[in-house]
Amino acid sequence: MLMLLALTLVLAACNFGGEEEEPASEDGSTEGSTEETAEGGTKELNLVVTSEPPSMHPQLATDSTSSAVLKQIYEGLTTYKDGEVVEGAAEKIETSEDGLVYTFTLRDAKWSNGDTVTAEDFAYAWTFALTPENASEYASILYPIKGAQAYNLGEGSVEDLGIKVVDEKTLEVTLENPTPYFLELTAFKTYFPIHKATAEANETWYAEAGETYITNGPYTLADWQHSGSMTLEKNANYWDADNVAIDKVNIGMVESEATAATMFDAGEIDFLGAPFQTVALDVIDRYKQEGILNISDYSAIYMYKFNTTDEVMGNANIRKALTLAIDRQGLIDNITKGEQSPALGMVPTAVKGFEEDAGYMKDNDVEEAKKALELGLQELGLGDASELEIKLSFNTSEAHAAIAQFIQEGWRTNLGIEVTLDNSEWQVYLDKLTNLDYQVGRLGWIADYNDAYTFLEQYDSAENGNNDTGWENAEYTELLKQSNSETDPEKRIELLKQAEAILMSEYPVAPIYYYTNLSVKKDYVENMELDQLGNVYLKYVDINK
């Protein structure tokens, strides 16, 4: 018995990457290979994410880990297939001639508990996000809706919202201005519905898997071992369940990229790539040689944000010096190795209208950086760079650490600035950014929809839940406002470019590179490709051996 117990412990540890990782679930549901489960008649997909999802509430979640799971278990009025917006919970969508009124007719769809999905469930969820007391950091993504911004800022009433429940199956939405990408927004997590009756009965309904966690998407959240694993099971009540091939998705939580790569190599997971962990830096070359590394375009940016409320980072010239003295191409060639592009602006060149380099700055412009540093030191009353105390924060990750070390060395060598590195677990790190408890911090931003506005909107005010810098500029805000009411596409892009120029002249953010998405998958996994927004919808995935 002792030998059997020891062997069981070893197998459990190996399956989840060694002693550092907890077993995926108490019943051992992910133990064994996908082949074994397939032989038993059940198709299972094994994946990992980097950490515990910070929030499983669609209107409160802000991060990519939570989003990766939420979009499998919920469905908005629209969704994505092959990178294109298609009808989701709505079977019919009508738009008024002036582009201001959208009428959504819902399908005959059910919640996972068998209740009917109603227009009221959508209205309830959207109103929850906009209610100031709920502090939804993504409330601003609902601002295209008439009265939404005023209500969220405490300046309007819920009765003024352009959200009207016509009947059980009909939702009418009135916008402030024509919004060309509105049907992309309705596919985003903040626009997902909530089962109203459950939420009203239990305000912490989203904290655990079980009877209170009711969803309307292809999968249900069947099990949630906090900080260990999540298990998704096919939702029998989903309107398109006949076209969902995978019966169960086992999602482990593995913080280490190296451990995740080892698990993929050993056949313990079937896919590796954001948002389901990332490909470790030290295996990129090997996966390229093996011919299994997939590199795809990604409308996303890797950047460093500056806390402009900090005494040192509040100085624009110090921020400028740090931004200019980053060797982006050297970082890509020697560290990230994923064919990324140096980011010299806030909006990726993959976005329509922003394909060409805007020329805001040069990569690794050390001479200009030194000039800016000298001015900044004078303004701060400091003698030289050795008197600066700067801390660079990032969430725990081998890749983020390697990038930080490369940039840290560049700042030391070129500017004489000594920088302390500070890493934290994901949720702790997000809290630091939100509370402005940092000086310089890394963050990635993936397009929420395919438009430049998604990269610029977060800085429209210091109060924006995704700002995290304390920076705001009245002219910048006005330009964004004008872009929302401009119906001429070329003029609108010009307004957005003017706004971007202001952002890049004051340096609340240091763009570093435009992402590519690196992934590997087992040969038997079909239709698991990431679109340009980084979306992966497991509804379309299949396993065939």
Protein backbone atom coordinates (compact mmCIF):
# COMPACT_ATOMS: atom_id res chain seq x y z
CA MET A 1 0.00 0.00 0.00
CA LEU A 2 2.84 2.39 0.82
CA MET A 3 4.48 1.69 -2.55
CA LEU A 4 1.15 2.21 -4.33
CA LEU A 5 0.60 5.50 -2.49
CA ALA A 6 4.11 6.70 -3.38
CA LEU A 7 3.61 5.82 -7.05
CA THR A 8 0.26 7.66 -7.08
CA LEU A 9 1.88 10.79 -5.66
CA VAL A 10 4.67 10.69 -8.23
CA LEU A 11 2.22 10.31 -11.11
CA ALA A 12 0.10 13.19 -9.87
CA ALA A 13 3.14 15.46 -9.52
CA CYS A 14 4.46 14.59 -12.96
CA ASN A 15 1.11 15.19 -14.60
CA PHE A 16 1.04 18.78 -13.33
CA GLY A 17 4.67 19.76 -13.73
CA GLY A 18 6.35 18.63 -10.55
CA GLU A 19 6.00 19.48 -6.88
CA GLU A 20 5.36 23.16 -7.51
CA GLU A 21 1.95 22.49 -9.05
CA GLU A 22 -1.25 21.23 -7.41
CA PRO A 23 -3.25 18.37 -8.96
CA ALA A 24 -5.88 19.62 -11.37
CA SER A 25 -8.83 18.22 -9.42
CA GLU A 26 -9.58 16.07 -6.44
CA ASP A 27 -11.04 13.31 -8.56
CA GLY A 28 -8.00 13.24 -10.89
CA SER A 29 -10.09 14.08 -13.93
CA THR A 30 -7.14 15.20 -16.05
CA GLU A 31 -4.89 12.28 -15.24
CA GLY A 32 -4.14 10.06 -18.19
CA SER A 33 -3.75 11.04 -21.81
CA THR A 34 -6.30 12.43 -24.22
CA GLU A 35 -5.99 9.17 -26.19
CA GLU A 36 -7.22 7.16 -23.19
CA THR A 37 -10.28 9.36 -22.74
CA ALA A 38 -11.01 9.31 -26.47
CA GLU A 39 -11.00 5.51 -26.46
CA GLY A 40 -13.66 5.65 -23.75
CA GLY A 41 -15.94 7.64 -26.04
CA THR A 42 -15.38 11.04 -24.45
CA LYS A 43 -13.38 13.71 -26.22
CA GLU A 44 -11.24 15.69 -23.79
CA LEU A 45 -8.95 18.63 -24.40
CA ASN A 46 -6.15 19.39 -21.94
CA LEU A 47 -4.94 22.97 -21.54
CA VAL A 48 -3.27 25.23 -18.98
CA VAL A 49 -3.54 28.89 -18.04
CA THR A 50 -0.97 30.90 -16.13
CA SER A 51 -2.91 31.46 -12.93
CA GLU A 52 -6.20 31.53 -11.11
CA PRO A 53 -8.60 33.71 -13.15
CA PRO A 54 -8.94 36.96 -11.15
CA SER A 55 -12.69 37.16 -11.79
CA MET A 56 -15.28 34.90 -13.37
CA HIS A 57 -17.88 37.66 -13.50
CA PRO A 58 -18.22 38.82 -17.14
CA GLN A 59 -18.79 42.44 -16.13
CA LEU A 60 -15.93 42.56 -13.60
CA ALA A 61 -13.23 40.59 -15.43
CA THR A 62 -10.45 42.66 -17.02
CA ASP A 63 -7.67 40.21 -17.85
CA SER A 64 -6.89 37.71 -20.59
CA THR A 65 -6.86 34.65 -18.30
CA SER A 66 -10.41 35.23 -17.11
CA SER A 67 -11.50 36.12 -20.64
CA ALA A 68 -10.07 32.90 -22.07
CA VAL A 69 -12.48 30.89 -19.91
CA LEU A 70 -15.46 33.25 -19.96
CA LYS A 71 -15.78 33.22 -23.75
CA GLN A 72 -16.15 29.42 -23.66
CA ILE A 73 -19.01 29.40 -21.15
CA TYR A 74 -20.92 32.54 -22.15
CA GLU A 75 -22.13 33.87 -25.46
CA GLY A 76 -22.99 37.45 -26.38
CA LEU A 77 -25.54 38.65 -28.86
CA THR A 78 -22.77 38.22 -31.42
CA THR A 79 -19.66 36.06 -31.41
CA TYR A 80 -16.71 35.26 -33.69
CA LYS A 81 -16.04 32.52 -36.19
CA ASP A 82 -12.89 32.45 -38.32
CA GLY A 83 -12.15 36.01 -37.22
CA GLU A 84 -15.50 37.36 -38.42
CA VAL A 85 -18.45 38.55 -36.35
CA VAL A 86 -21.46 36.23 -36.57
CA GLU A 87 -24.80 35.96 -34.76
CA GLY A 88 -24.54 34.44 -31.31
CA ALA A 89 -27.41 34.52 -28.84
CA ALA A 90 -29.21 36.78 -31.33
CA GLU A 91 -30.58 35.13 -34.46
CA LYS A 92 -31.58 38.39 -36.14
CA ILE A 93 -30.07 41.89 -36.01
CA GLU A 94 -31.64 44.99 -37.55
CA THR A 95 -29.98 48.40 -37.78
CA SER A 96 -31.73 51.72 -38.41
CA GLU A 97 -30.73 53.77 -41.46
CA ASP A 98 -28.95 56.36 -39.29
CA GLY A 99 -26.93 53.62 -37.55
CA LEU A 100 -28.19 54.61 -34.09
CA VAL A 101 -30.72 51.89 -33.24
CA TYR A 102 -29.98 48.16 -33.15
CA THR A 103 -32.78 45.66 -32.65
CA PHE A 104 -31.68 42.19 -31.54
CA THR A 105 -34.05 39.23 -31.77
CA LEU A 106 -32.87 36.41 -29.52
CA ARG A 107 -32.77 32.74 -30.46
CA ASP A 108 -34.78 30.12 -28.66
CA ALA A 109 -31.79 29.63 -26.36
CA LYS A 110 -31.53 28.21 -22.86
CA TRP A 111 -29.35 28.79 -19.83
CA SER A 112 -27.43 25.79 -18.54
CA ASN A 113 -30.17 25.22 -15.94
CA GLY A 114 -32.84 25.09 -18.64
CA ASP A 115 -34.26 28.60 -18.16
CA THR A 116 -34.91 30.74 -21.23
CA VAL A 117 -32.27 33.33 -22.14
CA THR A 118 -34.15 36.63 -22.25
CA ALA A 119 -33.54 40.21 -23.34
CA GLU A 120 -33.85 41.17 -19.67
CA ASP A 121 -30.77 39.04 -18.87
CA PHE A 122 -28.72 41.17 -21.24
CA ALA A 123 -30.18 44.46 -20.02
CA TYR A 124 -29.55 43.43 -16.41
CA ALA A 125 -25.90 42.57 -17.09
CA TRP A 126 -25.15 45.77 -19.01
CA THR A 127 -26.83 47.92 -16.38
CA PHE A 128 -24.81 46.15 -13.67
CA ALA A 129 -21.57 47.07 -15.44
CA LEU A 130 -22.62 50.71 -15.74
CA THR A 131 -23.85 51.10 -12.16
CA PRO A 132 -21.10 53.17 -10.45
CA GLU A 133 -21.25 51.23 -7.19
CA ASN A 134 -20.23 48.01 -8.95
CA ALA A 135 -16.90 49.54 -10.06
CA SER A 136 -16.67 47.67 -13.35
CA GLU A 137 -13.32 48.64 -14.84
CA TYR A 138 -14.60 47.87 -18.33
CA ALA A 139 -17.77 49.98 -18.00
CA SER A 140 -16.42 52.41 -20.59
CA ILE A 141 -16.70 49.81 -23.35
CA LEU A 142 -20.47 50.29 -23.02
CA TYR A 143 -20.22 54.05 -23.53
CA PRO A 144 -21.38 53.93 -27.18
CA ILE A 145 -24.84 53.23 -25.72
CA LYS A 146 -26.97 56.33 -25.21
CA GLY A 147 -26.74 57.66 -21.66
CA ALA A 148 -24.18 55.03 -20.60
CA GLN A 149 -21.28 57.35 -19.81
CA ALA A 150 -23.43 59.83 -17.92
CA TYR A 151 -25.00 57.09 -15.82
CA ASN A 152 -21.65 55.43 -15.09
CA LEU A 153 -20.17 58.76 -13.98
CA GLY A 154 -23.11 59.46 -11.69
CA GLU A 155 -24.44 62.25 -13.90
CA GLY A 156 -27.45 60.48 -15.42
CA SER A 157 -30.15 58.00 -14.53
CA VAL A 158 -30.79 54.38 -15.42
CA GLU A 159 -34.03 55.45 -17.10
CA ASP A 160 -32.00 57.42 -19.66
CA LEU A 161 -30.03 54.40 -20.85
CA GLY A 162 -30.59 53.41 -24.47
CA ILE A 163 -31.32 49.83 -23.44
CA LYS A 164 -34.93 48.80 -23.97
CA VAL A 165 -36.44 45.37 -23.36
CA VAL A 166 -39.22 45.27 -25.96
CA ASP A 167 -40.30 41.77 -24.99
CA GLU A 168 -38.74 38.52 -23.76
CA LYS A 169 -36.95 37.93 -27.07
CA THR A 170 -36.32 41.50 -28.29
CA LEU A 171 -33.69 43.99 -27.12
CA GLU A 172 -33.52 47.48 -28.62
CA VAL A 173 -30.28 49.42 -28.18
CA THR A 174 -29.90 53.12 -29.01
CA LEU A 175 -26.40 54.58 -29.44
CA GLU A 176 -25.03 58.05 -28.78
CA ASN A 177 -23.38 58.10 -32.20
CA PRO A 178 -23.04 55.67 -35.10
CA THR A 179 -20.44 53.11 -34.02
CA PRO A 180 -19.13 51.02 -36.95
CA TYR A 181 -17.72 48.33 -34.68
CA PHE A 182 -20.72 47.99 -32.33
CA LEU A 183 -21.45 44.39 -33.36
CA GLU A 184 -17.87 43.55 -32.39
CA LEU A 185 -18.52 45.06 -28.96
CA THR A 186 -21.57 42.87 -28.41
CA ALA A 187 -19.27 39.85 -28.73
CA PHE A 188 -17.06 41.14 -25.89
CA LYS A 189 -17.28 39.74 -22.35
CA THR A 190 -18.68 42.90 -20.73
CA TYR A 191 -21.68 42.53 -23.06
CA PHE A 192 -22.35 38.91 -22.01
CA PRO A 193 -25.67 38.24 -20.25
CA ILE A 194 -26.15 37.28 -16.62
CA HIS A 195 -28.81 34.91 -15.31
CA LYS A 196 -30.74 37.65 -13.54
CA ALA A 197 -32.64 35.49 -11.03
CA THR A 198 -29.47 33.84 -9.76
CA ALA A 199 -27.51 37.09 -9.49
CA GLU A 200 -30.31 38.78 -7.55
CA ALA A 201 -30.55 35.84 -5.16
CA ASN A 202 -26.81 35.53 -4.50
CA GLU A 203 -24.40 38.43 -5.04
CA THR A 204 -21.36 36.10 -4.96
CA TRP A 205 -22.83 33.67 -7.50
CA TYR A 206 -19.67 33.83 -9.63
CA ALA A 207 -17.20 32.82 -6.90
CA GLU A 208 -17.58 29.05 -7.24
CA ALA A 209 -18.60 26.40 -9.76
CA GLY A 210 -21.87 24.65 -9.10
CA GLU A 211 -25.59 25.26 -9.20
CA THR A 212 -25.28 29.04 -8.86
CA TYR A 213 -22.87 29.39 -11.79
CA ILE A 214 -25.31 29.39 -14.70
CA THR A 215 -24.08 30.06 -18.22
CA ASN A 216 -25.44 30.29 -21.77
CA GLY A 217 -22.38 29.30 -23.82
CA PRO A 218 -21.10 26.06 -25.35
CA TYR A 219 -19.66 24.90 -22.00
CA THR A 220 -20.49 24.96 -18.31
CA LEU A 221 -18.06 25.51 -15.45
CA ALA A 222 -18.35 22.03 -13.98
CA ASP A 223 -15.51 22.17 -11.44
CA TRP A 224 -13.20 24.84 -10.04
CA GLN A 225 -10.36 23.90 -7.75
CA HIS A 226 -9.05 27.34 -6.81
CA SER A 227 -5.40 27.87 -7.75
CA GLY A 228 -5.40 24.35 -9.16
CA SER A 229 -7.70 23.69 -12.09
CA MET A 230 -10.99 24.28 -13.86
CA THR A 231 -13.11 21.75 -15.73
CA LEU A 232 -15.50 22.75 -18.48
CA GLU A 233 -18.18 20.36 -19.71
CA LYS A 234 -20.30 20.54 -22.83
CA ASN A 235 -23.52 22.45 -22.14
CA ALA A 236 -26.38 20.14 -23.17
CA ASN A 237 -28.77 23.11 -23.17
CA TYR A 238 -26.68 25.24 -25.54
CA TRP A 239 -28.65 26.08 -28.69
CA ASP A 240 -25.89 24.76 -30.99
CA ALA A 241 -24.74 21.84 -28.82
CA ASP A 242 -24.89 19.41 -31.75
CA ASN A 243 -21.93 21.22 -33.32
CA VAL A 244 -19.75 21.21 -30.18
CA ALA A 245 -17.29 18.32 -30.55
CA ILE A 246 -15.26 18.40 -27.31
CA ASP A 247 -17.07 16.92 -24.29
CA LYS A 248 -14.70 18.08 -21.55
CA VAL A 249 -11.95 20.68 -21.27
CA ASN A 250 -9.44 20.24 -18.44
CA ILE A 251 -7.63 23.49 -17.63
CA GLY A 252 -4.70 23.34 -15.22
CA MET A 253 -3.07 26.40 -13.67
CA VAL A 254 0.67 26.47 -14.35
CA GLU A 255 2.60 29.67 -13.71
CA SER A 256 5.89 28.55 -15.28
CA GLU A 257 6.26 28.69 -19.06
CA ALA A 258 9.08 26.14 -18.84
CA THR A 259 6.85 23.71 -16.94
CA ALA A 260 4.08 24.19 -19.49
CA ALA A 261 6.51 23.40 -22.33
CA THR A 262 7.61 20.24 -20.53
CA MET A 263 3.98 19.20 -20.16
CA PHE A 264 3.33 19.80 -23.86
CA ASP A 265 6.41 17.78 -24.83
CA ALA A 266 5.23 14.95 -22.58
CA GLY A 267 1.75 14.94 -24.13
CA GLU A 268 0.04 16.15 -20.95
CA ILE A 269 -1.48 19.17 -22.67
CA ASP A 270 -2.66 19.47 -26.26
CA PHE A 271 -2.09 23.13 -27.07
CA LEU A 272 0.27 25.83 -25.88
CA GLY A 273 -0.08 29.50 -26.75
CA ALA A 274 -1.79 32.63 -25.45
CA PRO A 275 -4.26 32.79 -23.83
CA PHE A 276 -3.58 29.20 -22.73
CA GLN A 277 -0.11 29.90 -21.29
CA THR A 278 2.65 30.95 -23.68
CA VAL A 279 5.50 29.30 -25.53
CA ALA A 280 8.61 29.53 -23.35
CA LEU A 281 11.45 31.58 -24.79
CA ASP A 282 14.00 28.79 -24.54
CA VAL A 283 11.96 26.35 -26.67
CA ILE A 284 11.07 28.71 -29.53
CA ASP A 285 14.12 27.78 -31.62
CA ARG A 286 13.55 24.05 -31.05
CA TYR A 287 9.87 24.25 -32.00
CA LYS A 288 10.85 26.19 -35.14
CA GLN A 289 13.34 23.45 -36.08
CA GLU A 290 10.70 20.79 -35.46
CA GLY A 291 8.33 22.67 -37.76
CA ILE A 292 5.51 22.85 -35.22
CA LEU A 293 5.70 26.52 -34.18
CA ASN A 294 2.85 28.60 -35.54
CA ILE A 295 3.39 32.39 -35.69
CA SER A 296 0.32 34.48 -36.46
CA ASP A 297 -0.51 38.16 -36.60
CA TYR A 298 -1.86 39.64 -33.41
CA SER A 299 -3.48 43.03 -32.87
CA ALA A 300 -1.79 43.60 -29.54
CA ILE A 301 1.00 45.59 -27.91
CA TYR A 302 3.56 44.88 -25.18
CA MET A 303 4.34 48.02 -23.20
CA TYR A 304 5.59 49.58 -20.01
CA LYS A 305 3.22 51.94 -18.22
CA PHE A 306 4.39 54.79 -16.01
CA ASN A 307 2.68 55.85 -12.80
CA THR A 308 2.53 59.60 -13.47
CA THR A 309 1.38 60.28 -9.89
CA ASP A 310 4.79 59.11 -8.64
CA GLU A 311 7.29 61.90 -7.92
CA VAL A 312 9.91 60.60 -10.35
CA MET A 313 7.60 59.14 -13.01
CA GLY A 314 5.52 62.30 -12.91
CA ASN A 315 8.34 63.96 -14.84
CA ALA A 316 7.68 63.72 -18.59
CA ASN A 317 11.38 63.97 -19.49
CA ILE A 318 12.29 61.02 -17.28
CA ARG A 319 9.53 59.01 -18.92
CA LYS A 320 10.78 60.12 -22.34
CA ALA A 321 14.36 59.11 -21.53
CA LEU A 322 13.31 55.64 -20.40
CA THR A 323 11.07 55.17 -23.44
CA LEU A 324 13.67 56.21 -26.02
CA ALA A 325 16.48 54.17 -24.45
CA ILE A 326 14.89 50.78 -25.16
CA ASP A 327 16.55 48.64 -27.82
CA ARG A 328 13.39 47.07 -29.17
CA GLN A 329 14.91 45.28 -32.15
CA GLY A 330 17.70 43.92 -29.99
CA LEU A 331 15.11 42.64 -27.52
CA ILE A 332 13.20 40.89 -30.31
CA ASP A 333 16.32 39.40 -31.91
CA ASN A 334 17.90 38.14 -28.70
CA ILE A 335 15.10 37.56 -26.20
CA THR A 336 11.55 37.21 -27.54
CA LYS A 337 12.53 35.69 -30.95
CA GLY A 338 8.92 35.62 -32.13
CA GLU A 339 9.19 37.84 -35.21
CA GLN A 340 7.51 40.72 -33.37
CA SER A 341 7.82 44.31 -34.62
CA PRO A 342 9.27 47.23 -32.62
CA ALA A 343 6.40 49.38 -31.33
CA LEU A 344 7.02 53.05 -32.00
CA GLY A 345 3.42 54.10 -31.43
CA MET A 346 0.44 52.99 -29.38
CA VAL A 347 -1.68 51.53 -32.20
CA PRO A 348 -0.31 48.37 -33.86
CA THR A 349 0.38 48.51 -37.58
CA ALA A 350 -2.05 45.60 -38.00
CA VAL A 351 -4.92 48.05 -37.44
CA LYS A 352 -6.54 49.55 -40.53
CA GLY A 353 -5.34 53.11 -41.18
CA PHE A 354 -2.26 52.69 -39.01
CA GLU A 355 -0.26 50.36 -41.24
CA GLU A 356 2.73 52.71 -41.56
CA ASP A 357 5.17 53.82 -38.87
CA ALA A 358 3.92 57.16 -37.55
CA GLY A 359 7.46 58.34 -36.81
CA TYR A 360 6.88 59.42 -33.22
CA MET A 361 10.36 58.24 -32.23
CA LYS A 362 13.34 56.14 -33.24
CA ASP A 363 14.14 52.78 -31.77
CA ASN A 364 16.97 52.87 -29.19
CA ASP A 365 17.54 56.63 -29.59
CA VAL A 366 20.14 56.87 -26.85
CA GLU A 367 21.33 60.42 -27.66
CA GLU A 368 17.83 61.90 -27.41
CA ALA A 369 17.24 59.81 -24.30
CA LYS A 370 20.32 61.31 -22.63
CA LYS A 371 19.14 64.84 -23.45
CA ALA A 372 15.72 64.14 -21.96
CA LEU A 373 17.32 62.56 -18.88
CA GLU A 374 19.46 65.63 -18.27
CA LEU A 375 16.43 67.91 -18.46
CA GLY A 376 14.45 65.63 -16.19
CA LEU A 377 17.17 65.53 -13.56
CA GLN A 378 17.36 69.32 -13.56
CA GLU A 379 13.59 69.60 -13.14
CA LEU A 380 13.71 67.16 -10.23
CA GLY A 381 16.65 68.97 -8.63
CA LEU A 382 18.94 65.95 -8.89
CA GLY A 383 22.62 65.96 -9.73
CA ASP A 384 22.93 62.78 -11.78
CA ALA A 385 21.18 59.53 -12.68
CA SER A 386 22.65 57.69 -9.70
CA GLU A 387 20.24 59.62 -7.47
CA LEU A 388 17.20 58.15 -9.21
CA GLU A 389 15.40 55.28 -7.51
CA ILE A 390 13.32 53.34 -10.02
CA LYS A 391 11.47 50.05 -9.60
CA LEU A 392 10.29 48.05 -12.59
CA SER A 393 7.36 45.76 -11.78
CA PHE A 394 5.98 42.78 -13.69
CA ASN A 395 3.88 39.69 -13.04
CA THR A 396 5.76 36.48 -12.37
CA SER A 397 6.87 34.93 -15.66
CA GLU A 398 10.17 33.77 -17.14
CA ALA A 399 9.48 35.80 -20.29
CA HIS A 400 8.54 39.03 -18.51
CA ALA A 401 11.60 38.64 -16.27
CA ALA A 402 13.93 38.14 -19.25
CA ILE A 403 12.49 41.19 -21.01
CA ALA A 404 12.80 43.28 -17.83
CA GLN A 405 16.42 42.21 -17.33
CA PHE A 406 17.31 43.13 -20.91
CA ILE A 407 15.75 46.59 -20.58
CA GLN A 408 17.18 47.05 -17.09
CA GLU A 409 20.67 46.47 -18.46
CA GLY A 410 20.07 48.90 -21.32
CA TRP A 411 18.97 51.65 -18.95
CA ARG A 412 22.00 51.02 -16.74
CA THR A 413 24.49 50.95 -19.63
CA ASN A 414 23.10 53.84 -21.67
CA LEU A 415 21.68 56.13 -19.01
CA GLY A 416 23.50 55.15 -15.82
CA ILE A 417 20.18 54.38 -14.10
CA GLU A 418 20.07 51.50 -11.65
CA VAL A 419 16.67 49.80 -11.70
CA THR A 420 15.26 47.36 -9.15
CA LEU A 421 13.11 44.52 -10.50
CA ASP A 422 9.91 43.58 -8.72
CA ASN A 423 7.70 40.61 -9.61
CA SER A 424 4.32 39.60 -8.18
CA GLU A 425 1.68 36.94 -8.72
CA TRP A 426 -0.89 37.97 -11.37
CA GLN A 427 -3.78 39.10 -9.14
CA VAL A 428 -1.43 40.92 -6.75
CA TYR A 429 0.22 42.60 -9.73
CA LEU A 430 -3.10 43.75 -11.21
CA ASP A 431 -4.00 45.27 -7.84
CA LYS A 432 -0.71 47.19 -7.85
CA LEU A 433 -1.48 48.70 -11.24
CA THR A 434 -5.06 49.55 -10.34
CA ASN A 435 -4.01 51.21 -7.08
CA LEU A 436 -1.04 53.02 -8.71
CA ASP A 437 1.26 51.21 -6.30
CA TYR A 438 4.17 51.04 -8.76
CA GLN A 439 6.56 53.22 -10.77
CA VAL A 440 7.09 51.36 -14.06
CA GLY A 441 4.97 48.30 -14.86
CA ARG A 442 4.58 45.95 -17.83
CA LEU A 443 1.30 45.19 -19.47
CA GLY A 444 -0.01 43.77 -22.71
CA TRP A 445 -3.08 45.10 -24.44
CA ILE A 446 -5.03 42.98 -26.91
CA ALA A 447 -7.56 44.68 -29.15
CA ASP A 448 -11.06 44.25 -27.73
CA TYR A 449 -12.35 44.95 -31.24
CA ASN A 450 -10.66 45.65 -34.55
CA ASP A 451 -10.35 49.43 -34.32
CA ALA A 452 -7.67 51.90 -33.19
CA TYR A 453 -10.04 53.29 -30.57
CA THR A 454 -9.58 50.19 -28.40
CA PHE A 455 -5.90 51.10 -27.89
CA LEU A 456 -6.51 54.79 -27.21
CA GLU A 457 -9.76 54.86 -25.24
CA GLN A 458 -8.25 53.59 -21.99
CA TYR A 459 -6.40 56.90 -21.52
CA ASP A 460 -9.42 59.17 -22.06
CA SER A 461 -9.39 60.02 -18.36
CA ALA A 462 -7.43 59.14 -15.24
CA GLU A 463 -10.59 57.50 -13.87
CA ASN A 464 -10.84 55.01 -16.72
CA GLY A 465 -10.57 51.56 -15.12
CA ASN A 466 -7.93 50.45 -17.63
CA ASN A 467 -5.79 53.63 -17.50
CA ASP A 468 -3.49 52.63 -14.60
CA THR A 469 -1.17 55.62 -15.20
CA GLY A 470 -2.93 58.59 -13.63
CA TRP A 471 -2.34 60.51 -16.89
CA GLU A 472 -5.01 62.51 -18.69
CA ASN A 473 -5.06 65.32 -21.23
CA ALA A 474 -8.09 67.47 -22.08
CA GLU A 475 -7.16 67.88 -25.75
CA TYR A 476 -6.60 64.14 -26.11
CA THR A 477 -9.99 63.43 -24.54
CA GLU A 478 -11.70 65.92 -26.87
CA LEU A 479 -10.15 64.35 -29.96
CA LEU A 480 -11.41 60.91 -28.93
CA LYS A 481 -14.85 62.39 -28.35
CA GLN A 482 -14.82 63.96 -31.80
CA SER A 483 -13.77 60.66 -33.36
CA ASN A 484 -16.88 59.02 -31.95
CA SER A 485 -19.19 61.41 -33.76
CA GLU A 486 -17.21 61.57 -37.03
CA THR A 487 -18.93 59.52 -39.73
CA ASP A 488 -16.28 60.03 -42.43
CA PRO A 489 -13.84 57.08 -41.98
CA GLU A 490 -10.75 58.98 -43.18
CA LYS A 491 -11.45 62.03 -41.02
CA ARG A 492 -12.09 59.76 -38.05
CA ILE A 493 -8.74 58.02 -38.48
CA GLU A 494 -7.03 61.41 -38.70
CA LEU A 495 -8.60 62.45 -35.36
CA LEU A 496 -7.38 59.22 -33.78
CA LYS A 497 -3.88 59.80 -35.13
CA GLN A 498 -3.85 63.30 -33.65
CA ALA A 499 -4.83 61.82 -30.30
CA GLU A 500 -2.11 59.18 -30.54
CA ALA A 501 0.45 61.91 -31.27
CA ILE A 502 -0.46 63.67 -27.99
CA LEU A 503 -0.18 60.41 -26.06
CA MET A 504 3.23 59.72 -27.56
CA SER A 505 4.49 63.24 -26.83
CA GLU A 506 3.83 62.96 -23.09
CA TYR A 507 4.99 59.36 -22.59
CA PRO A 508 2.60 57.92 -19.98
CA VAL A 509 3.33 54.65 -21.81
CA ALA A 510 6.46 53.19 -23.39
CA PRO A 511 5.45 50.98 -26.36
CA ILE A 512 7.90 48.09 -26.73
CA TYR A 513 6.73 45.68 -29.43
CA TYR A 514 3.69 44.63 -31.38
CA TYR A 515 2.87 41.05 -30.54
CA THR A 516 2.79 38.03 -32.72
CA ASN A 517 0.99 35.00 -31.35
CA LEU A 518 3.17 31.91 -30.97
CA SER A 519 1.55 28.54 -30.46
CA VAL A 520 2.04 24.80 -30.83
CA LYS A 521 -0.56 22.04 -30.89
CA LYS A 522 -0.71 18.30 -31.20
CA ASP A 523 -1.41 16.92 -34.67
CA TYR A 524 -4.75 15.46 -33.61
CA VAL A 525 -6.14 18.85 -32.50
CA GLU A 526 -8.21 20.45 -35.26
CA ASN A 527 -9.57 23.97 -35.78
CA MET A 528 -7.74 25.47 -32.81
CA GLU A 529 -6.41 28.62 -34.41
CA LEU A 530 -6.19 32.10 -32.94
CA ASP A 531 -7.67 35.03 -34.80
CA GLN A 532 -6.10 38.50 -35.01
CA LEU A 533 -7.69 39.51 -31.69
CA GLY A 534 -6.28 36.43 -29.96
CA ASN A 535 -9.68 34.75 -29.70
CA VAL A 536 -9.86 30.99 -29.30
CA TYR A 537 -13.35 29.51 -29.33
CA LEU A 538 -13.27 25.89 -28.19
CA LYS A 539 -16.76 25.41 -29.64
CA TYR A 540 -15.10 24.85 -33.03
CA VAL A 541 -12.25 22.60 -31.85
CA ASP A 542 -12.18 18.87 -32.46
CA ILE A 543 -9.86 15.95 -31.71
CA ASN A 544 -9.27 13.19 -34.24
CA LYS A 545 -6.65 10.48 -33.85
